[in-house]
N, C-alpha and C. Protein backbone atom coordinates (compact mmCIF):
# COMPACT_ATOMS: atom_id res chain seq x y z
N MET A 1 5.55 2.29 -4.04
CA MET A 1 4.55 3.32 -4.23
C MET A 1 4.07 3.77 -2.85
N THR A 2 4.28 5.04 -2.53
CA THR A 2 3.85 5.52 -1.23
C THR A 2 2.96 6.74 -1.38
N TYR A 3 2.09 6.90 -0.41
CA TYR A 3 1.14 8.00 -0.38
C TYR A 3 1.86 9.35 -0.39
N ASN A 4 3.01 9.44 0.25
CA ASN A 4 3.73 10.71 0.34
C ASN A 4 4.24 11.20 -1.01
N ASP A 5 4.35 10.32 -1.99
CA ASP A 5 4.85 10.69 -3.31
C ASP A 5 3.74 11.13 -4.26
N ARG A 6 2.52 11.25 -3.75
CA ARG A 6 1.38 11.45 -4.64
C ARG A 6 1.28 12.85 -5.20
N THR A 7 0.56 12.95 -6.31
CA THR A 7 0.19 14.20 -6.96
C THR A 7 -1.31 14.37 -6.76
N HIS A 8 -1.76 15.58 -6.60
CA HIS A 8 -3.20 15.83 -6.43
C HIS A 8 -3.91 15.73 -7.78
N CYS A 9 -5.01 15.01 -7.80
CA CYS A 9 -5.76 14.73 -9.04
C CYS A 9 -6.11 15.99 -9.81
N GLY A 10 -6.67 16.97 -9.14
CA GLY A 10 -7.16 18.17 -9.81
C GLY A 10 -6.09 19.13 -10.28
N LEU A 11 -4.84 18.87 -9.93
CA LEU A 11 -3.75 19.76 -10.33
C LEU A 11 -3.05 19.30 -11.60
N LEU A 12 -3.44 18.15 -12.12
CA LEU A 12 -2.82 17.65 -13.35
C LEU A 12 -3.31 18.44 -14.56
N GLY A 13 -2.42 18.58 -15.54
CA GLY A 13 -2.78 19.29 -16.76
C GLY A 13 -1.92 18.83 -17.92
N LEU A 14 -2.05 19.51 -19.05
CA LEU A 14 -1.29 19.14 -20.24
C LEU A 14 0.21 19.14 -20.01
N SER A 15 0.69 20.01 -19.14
CA SER A 15 2.13 20.06 -18.87
C SER A 15 2.64 18.79 -18.20
N ASP A 16 1.74 17.97 -17.66
CA ASP A 16 2.14 16.71 -17.01
C ASP A 16 2.15 15.53 -17.98
N ALA A 17 1.68 15.73 -19.20
CA ALA A 17 1.67 14.65 -20.19
C ALA A 17 3.08 14.12 -20.37
N GLY A 18 3.19 12.77 -20.37
CA GLY A 18 4.49 12.13 -20.51
C GLY A 18 5.17 11.81 -19.19
N THR A 19 4.54 12.19 -18.09
CA THR A 19 5.12 11.89 -16.78
C THR A 19 4.38 10.74 -16.10
N THR A 20 5.05 10.12 -15.15
CA THR A 20 4.43 9.08 -14.33
C THR A 20 4.06 9.71 -12.99
N VAL A 21 2.83 9.44 -12.54
CA VAL A 21 2.34 10.04 -11.30
C VAL A 21 1.78 8.96 -10.37
N ILE A 22 1.68 9.31 -9.11
CA ILE A 22 1.00 8.49 -8.11
C ILE A 22 -0.14 9.35 -7.58
N LEU A 23 -1.34 8.79 -7.62
CA LEU A 23 -2.55 9.49 -7.20
C LEU A 23 -3.22 8.72 -6.07
N ALA A 24 -3.89 9.42 -5.19
CA ALA A 24 -4.66 8.78 -4.13
C ALA A 24 -6.00 9.48 -4.05
N GLY A 25 -7.05 8.68 -3.94
CA GLY A 25 -8.37 9.28 -3.84
C GLY A 25 -9.46 8.23 -3.81
N TRP A 26 -10.67 8.70 -4.05
CA TRP A 26 -11.85 7.84 -4.03
C TRP A 26 -12.38 7.64 -5.44
N VAL A 27 -12.90 6.46 -5.71
CA VAL A 27 -13.55 6.19 -6.99
C VAL A 27 -14.86 6.96 -6.99
N ASP A 28 -14.96 7.97 -7.82
CA ASP A 28 -16.15 8.81 -7.88
C ASP A 28 -17.19 8.21 -8.82
N ALA A 29 -16.73 7.63 -9.91
CA ALA A 29 -17.62 6.98 -10.89
C ALA A 29 -16.78 5.99 -11.68
N LEU A 30 -17.43 5.00 -12.27
CA LEU A 30 -16.70 4.06 -13.13
C LEU A 30 -17.57 3.63 -14.29
N ARG A 31 -16.87 3.34 -15.41
CA ARG A 31 -17.52 2.86 -16.63
C ARG A 31 -16.73 1.66 -17.13
N ASP A 32 -17.40 0.55 -17.27
CA ASP A 32 -16.76 -0.68 -17.73
C ASP A 32 -17.11 -0.89 -19.19
N HIS A 33 -16.11 -0.86 -20.05
CA HIS A 33 -16.30 -1.06 -21.48
C HIS A 33 -15.68 -2.39 -21.92
N GLY A 34 -16.01 -3.44 -21.19
CA GLY A 34 -15.46 -4.76 -21.51
C GLY A 34 -14.04 -4.90 -21.00
N ASP A 35 -13.07 -4.86 -21.91
CA ASP A 35 -11.68 -5.00 -21.51
C ASP A 35 -11.12 -3.75 -20.85
N VAL A 36 -11.69 -2.59 -21.12
CA VAL A 36 -11.17 -1.33 -20.62
C VAL A 36 -12.11 -0.77 -19.56
N LEU A 37 -11.52 -0.35 -18.43
CA LEU A 37 -12.29 0.23 -17.34
C LEU A 37 -11.83 1.67 -17.13
N PHE A 38 -12.79 2.58 -17.06
CA PHE A 38 -12.51 3.99 -16.79
C PHE A 38 -13.05 4.33 -15.41
N ILE A 39 -12.22 4.99 -14.59
CA ILE A 39 -12.73 5.50 -13.32
C ILE A 39 -12.45 6.99 -13.24
N GLN A 40 -13.34 7.68 -12.55
CA GLN A 40 -13.12 9.07 -12.20
C GLN A 40 -12.57 9.03 -10.78
N LEU A 41 -11.32 9.43 -10.61
CA LEU A 41 -10.67 9.42 -9.30
C LEU A 41 -10.75 10.82 -8.70
N ARG A 42 -11.25 10.91 -7.46
CA ARG A 42 -11.50 12.19 -6.81
C ARG A 42 -10.66 12.34 -5.55
N ASP A 43 -10.06 13.51 -5.39
CA ASP A 43 -9.45 13.89 -4.11
C ASP A 43 -9.89 15.31 -3.82
N ARG A 44 -9.33 15.93 -2.81
CA ARG A 44 -9.81 17.26 -2.41
C ARG A 44 -9.55 18.33 -3.46
N SER A 45 -8.68 18.06 -4.42
CA SER A 45 -8.34 19.07 -5.42
C SER A 45 -9.16 18.95 -6.71
N GLY A 46 -9.82 17.80 -6.91
CA GLY A 46 -10.60 17.64 -8.13
C GLY A 46 -10.68 16.19 -8.57
N ILE A 47 -10.98 16.02 -9.86
CA ILE A 47 -11.21 14.70 -10.45
C ILE A 47 -10.34 14.53 -11.68
N VAL A 48 -9.85 13.29 -11.87
CA VAL A 48 -9.12 12.95 -13.08
C VAL A 48 -9.57 11.56 -13.53
N GLN A 49 -9.57 11.34 -14.84
CA GLN A 49 -9.93 10.03 -15.36
C GLN A 49 -8.71 9.10 -15.36
N VAL A 50 -8.93 7.87 -14.87
CA VAL A 50 -7.89 6.84 -14.85
C VAL A 50 -8.39 5.68 -15.71
N VAL A 51 -7.51 5.14 -16.55
CA VAL A 51 -7.86 4.07 -17.47
C VAL A 51 -7.09 2.80 -17.11
N PHE A 52 -7.81 1.69 -16.97
CA PHE A 52 -7.20 0.38 -16.77
C PHE A 52 -7.43 -0.41 -18.06
N SER A 53 -6.34 -0.78 -18.73
CA SER A 53 -6.44 -1.47 -20.01
C SER A 53 -5.44 -2.62 -20.06
N PRO A 54 -5.83 -3.76 -20.65
CA PRO A 54 -4.90 -4.89 -20.76
C PRO A 54 -3.70 -4.57 -21.67
N GLU A 55 -3.80 -3.51 -22.45
CA GLU A 55 -2.68 -3.11 -23.31
C GLU A 55 -1.55 -2.47 -22.51
N THR A 56 -1.88 -1.95 -21.32
CA THR A 56 -0.88 -1.21 -20.54
C THR A 56 -0.68 -1.72 -19.13
N ALA A 57 -1.54 -2.63 -18.68
CA ALA A 57 -1.43 -3.17 -17.31
C ALA A 57 -1.55 -4.69 -17.35
N SER A 58 -1.03 -5.33 -16.33
CA SER A 58 -1.07 -6.79 -16.28
C SER A 58 -2.51 -7.30 -16.13
N ARG A 59 -2.68 -8.56 -16.42
CA ARG A 59 -4.00 -9.21 -16.29
C ARG A 59 -4.49 -9.11 -14.84
N ASP A 60 -3.59 -9.33 -13.89
CA ASP A 60 -3.95 -9.27 -12.47
C ASP A 60 -4.48 -7.89 -12.10
N ILE A 61 -3.81 -6.84 -12.55
CA ILE A 61 -4.24 -5.49 -12.24
C ILE A 61 -5.61 -5.20 -12.85
N CYS A 62 -5.83 -5.61 -14.08
CA CYS A 62 -7.11 -5.39 -14.74
C CYS A 62 -8.23 -6.17 -14.05
N GLU A 63 -7.95 -7.39 -13.62
CA GLU A 63 -8.96 -8.18 -12.90
C GLU A 63 -9.31 -7.54 -11.57
N ARG A 64 -8.29 -7.07 -10.84
CA ARG A 64 -8.56 -6.41 -9.56
C ARG A 64 -9.31 -5.10 -9.76
N ALA A 65 -8.97 -4.37 -10.81
CA ALA A 65 -9.66 -3.11 -11.11
C ALA A 65 -11.14 -3.37 -11.42
N GLY A 66 -11.45 -4.50 -12.00
CA GLY A 66 -12.82 -4.86 -12.29
C GLY A 66 -13.67 -5.03 -11.04
N GLN A 67 -13.03 -5.16 -9.88
CA GLN A 67 -13.75 -5.32 -8.62
C GLN A 67 -13.99 -3.98 -7.90
N LEU A 68 -13.47 -2.89 -8.47
CA LEU A 68 -13.65 -1.58 -7.84
C LEU A 68 -15.11 -1.17 -7.82
N LYS A 69 -15.46 -0.45 -6.79
CA LYS A 69 -16.82 0.07 -6.64
C LYS A 69 -16.72 1.55 -6.25
N SER A 70 -17.81 2.25 -6.41
CA SER A 70 -17.88 3.65 -6.05
C SER A 70 -17.47 3.86 -4.59
N GLU A 71 -16.66 4.88 -4.35
CA GLU A 71 -16.16 5.29 -3.04
C GLU A 71 -15.04 4.42 -2.48
N PHE A 72 -14.54 3.43 -3.25
CA PHE A 72 -13.33 2.73 -2.82
C PHE A 72 -12.20 3.75 -2.79
N CYS A 73 -11.33 3.63 -1.81
CA CYS A 73 -10.16 4.49 -1.69
C CYS A 73 -8.97 3.76 -2.32
N VAL A 74 -8.30 4.39 -3.28
CA VAL A 74 -7.23 3.72 -4.01
C VAL A 74 -6.00 4.61 -4.15
N LEU A 75 -4.88 3.93 -4.31
CA LEU A 75 -3.60 4.56 -4.65
C LEU A 75 -3.24 4.03 -6.03
N VAL A 76 -3.05 4.93 -7.00
CA VAL A 76 -2.85 4.54 -8.40
C VAL A 76 -1.53 5.10 -8.91
N LYS A 77 -0.80 4.26 -9.65
CA LYS A 77 0.40 4.71 -10.35
C LYS A 77 0.11 4.62 -11.84
N GLY A 78 0.47 5.65 -12.60
CA GLY A 78 0.21 5.60 -14.04
C GLY A 78 0.87 6.74 -14.78
N ASP A 79 0.73 6.67 -16.09
CA ASP A 79 1.32 7.68 -16.98
C ASP A 79 0.25 8.65 -17.45
N VAL A 80 0.56 9.93 -17.40
CA VAL A 80 -0.36 10.96 -17.86
C VAL A 80 -0.21 11.10 -19.37
N ILE A 81 -1.34 11.05 -20.07
CA ILE A 81 -1.32 11.25 -21.52
C ILE A 81 -2.36 12.30 -21.93
N LYS A 82 -2.13 12.91 -23.06
CA LYS A 82 -3.09 13.86 -23.62
C LYS A 82 -4.21 13.07 -24.27
N ARG A 83 -5.44 13.47 -24.04
CA ARG A 83 -6.59 12.82 -24.67
C ARG A 83 -6.70 13.25 -26.13
N ASP A 84 -7.27 12.37 -26.96
CA ASP A 84 -7.58 12.74 -28.33
C ASP A 84 -8.57 13.90 -28.30
N GLN A 85 -8.54 14.74 -29.32
CA GLN A 85 -9.41 15.91 -29.39
C GLN A 85 -10.89 15.54 -29.20
N ASP A 86 -11.31 14.41 -29.75
CA ASP A 86 -12.71 13.98 -29.66
C ASP A 86 -13.10 13.52 -28.26
N ASN A 87 -12.13 13.22 -27.39
CA ASN A 87 -12.41 12.69 -26.06
C ASN A 87 -12.20 13.69 -24.93
N ILE A 88 -11.93 14.94 -25.26
CA ILE A 88 -11.72 15.95 -24.22
C ILE A 88 -13.03 16.17 -23.47
N ASN A 89 -12.92 16.21 -22.14
CA ASN A 89 -14.08 16.43 -21.27
C ASN A 89 -14.00 17.86 -20.74
N THR A 90 -14.84 18.73 -21.29
CA THR A 90 -14.80 20.15 -20.90
C THR A 90 -15.49 20.40 -19.56
N ASN A 91 -16.08 19.36 -18.97
CA ASN A 91 -16.79 19.51 -17.69
C ASN A 91 -15.87 19.44 -16.48
N ILE A 92 -14.60 19.03 -16.67
CA ILE A 92 -13.65 18.97 -15.56
C ILE A 92 -12.35 19.66 -15.97
N THR A 93 -11.64 20.20 -14.99
CA THR A 93 -10.42 20.96 -15.30
C THR A 93 -9.31 20.07 -15.85
N THR A 94 -9.36 18.77 -15.55
CA THR A 94 -8.34 17.84 -16.05
C THR A 94 -8.80 17.12 -17.32
N GLY A 95 -9.81 17.67 -17.98
CA GLY A 95 -10.45 17.00 -19.10
C GLY A 95 -9.60 16.82 -20.35
N GLU A 96 -8.44 17.46 -20.42
CA GLU A 96 -7.57 17.31 -21.59
C GLU A 96 -6.59 16.15 -21.45
N ILE A 97 -6.53 15.56 -20.25
CA ILE A 97 -5.58 14.46 -20.01
C ILE A 97 -6.30 13.29 -19.34
N GLU A 98 -5.62 12.16 -19.29
CA GLU A 98 -6.07 11.01 -18.51
C GLU A 98 -4.83 10.26 -18.05
N VAL A 99 -5.02 9.39 -17.06
CA VAL A 99 -3.91 8.64 -16.50
C VAL A 99 -4.10 7.16 -16.87
N ILE A 100 -3.10 6.59 -17.52
CA ILE A 100 -3.11 5.18 -17.89
C ILE A 100 -2.47 4.39 -16.76
N ALA A 101 -3.30 3.66 -16.02
CA ALA A 101 -2.83 2.97 -14.80
C ALA A 101 -1.88 1.82 -15.13
N SER A 102 -0.82 1.70 -14.33
CA SER A 102 0.10 0.56 -14.43
C SER A 102 0.11 -0.24 -13.15
N ASP A 103 -0.41 0.33 -12.05
CA ASP A 103 -0.48 -0.37 -10.78
C ASP A 103 -1.46 0.38 -9.88
N PHE A 104 -2.03 -0.35 -8.90
CA PHE A 104 -2.89 0.31 -7.93
C PHE A 104 -3.05 -0.55 -6.69
N THR A 105 -3.46 0.09 -5.61
CA THR A 105 -3.71 -0.56 -4.34
C THR A 105 -5.03 -0.04 -3.80
N ILE A 106 -5.84 -0.94 -3.29
CA ILE A 106 -7.11 -0.52 -2.66
C ILE A 106 -6.80 -0.24 -1.19
């Protein structure tokens, strides 16, 4: 996983659903829902939601993700998926999708 292969967070959209991407940016916000952690990842192009879940990532990755704090700089690899209709965030341009993390580096 290298920085040069990255996609800009704010440029992701529904057409990217089903693809694997590498993102780099800062943790803008995070929400811990027990086993599942949601972060808003920010770069110069915008914000996208990244999900760390034990269903899709190893225990080690989920434990390390639990140590993330606001403004940490991270490189994330994950799959872009379409959000359920009830979970669409109309406040951000990438609100129709989210990235399911499979690996990351601080």
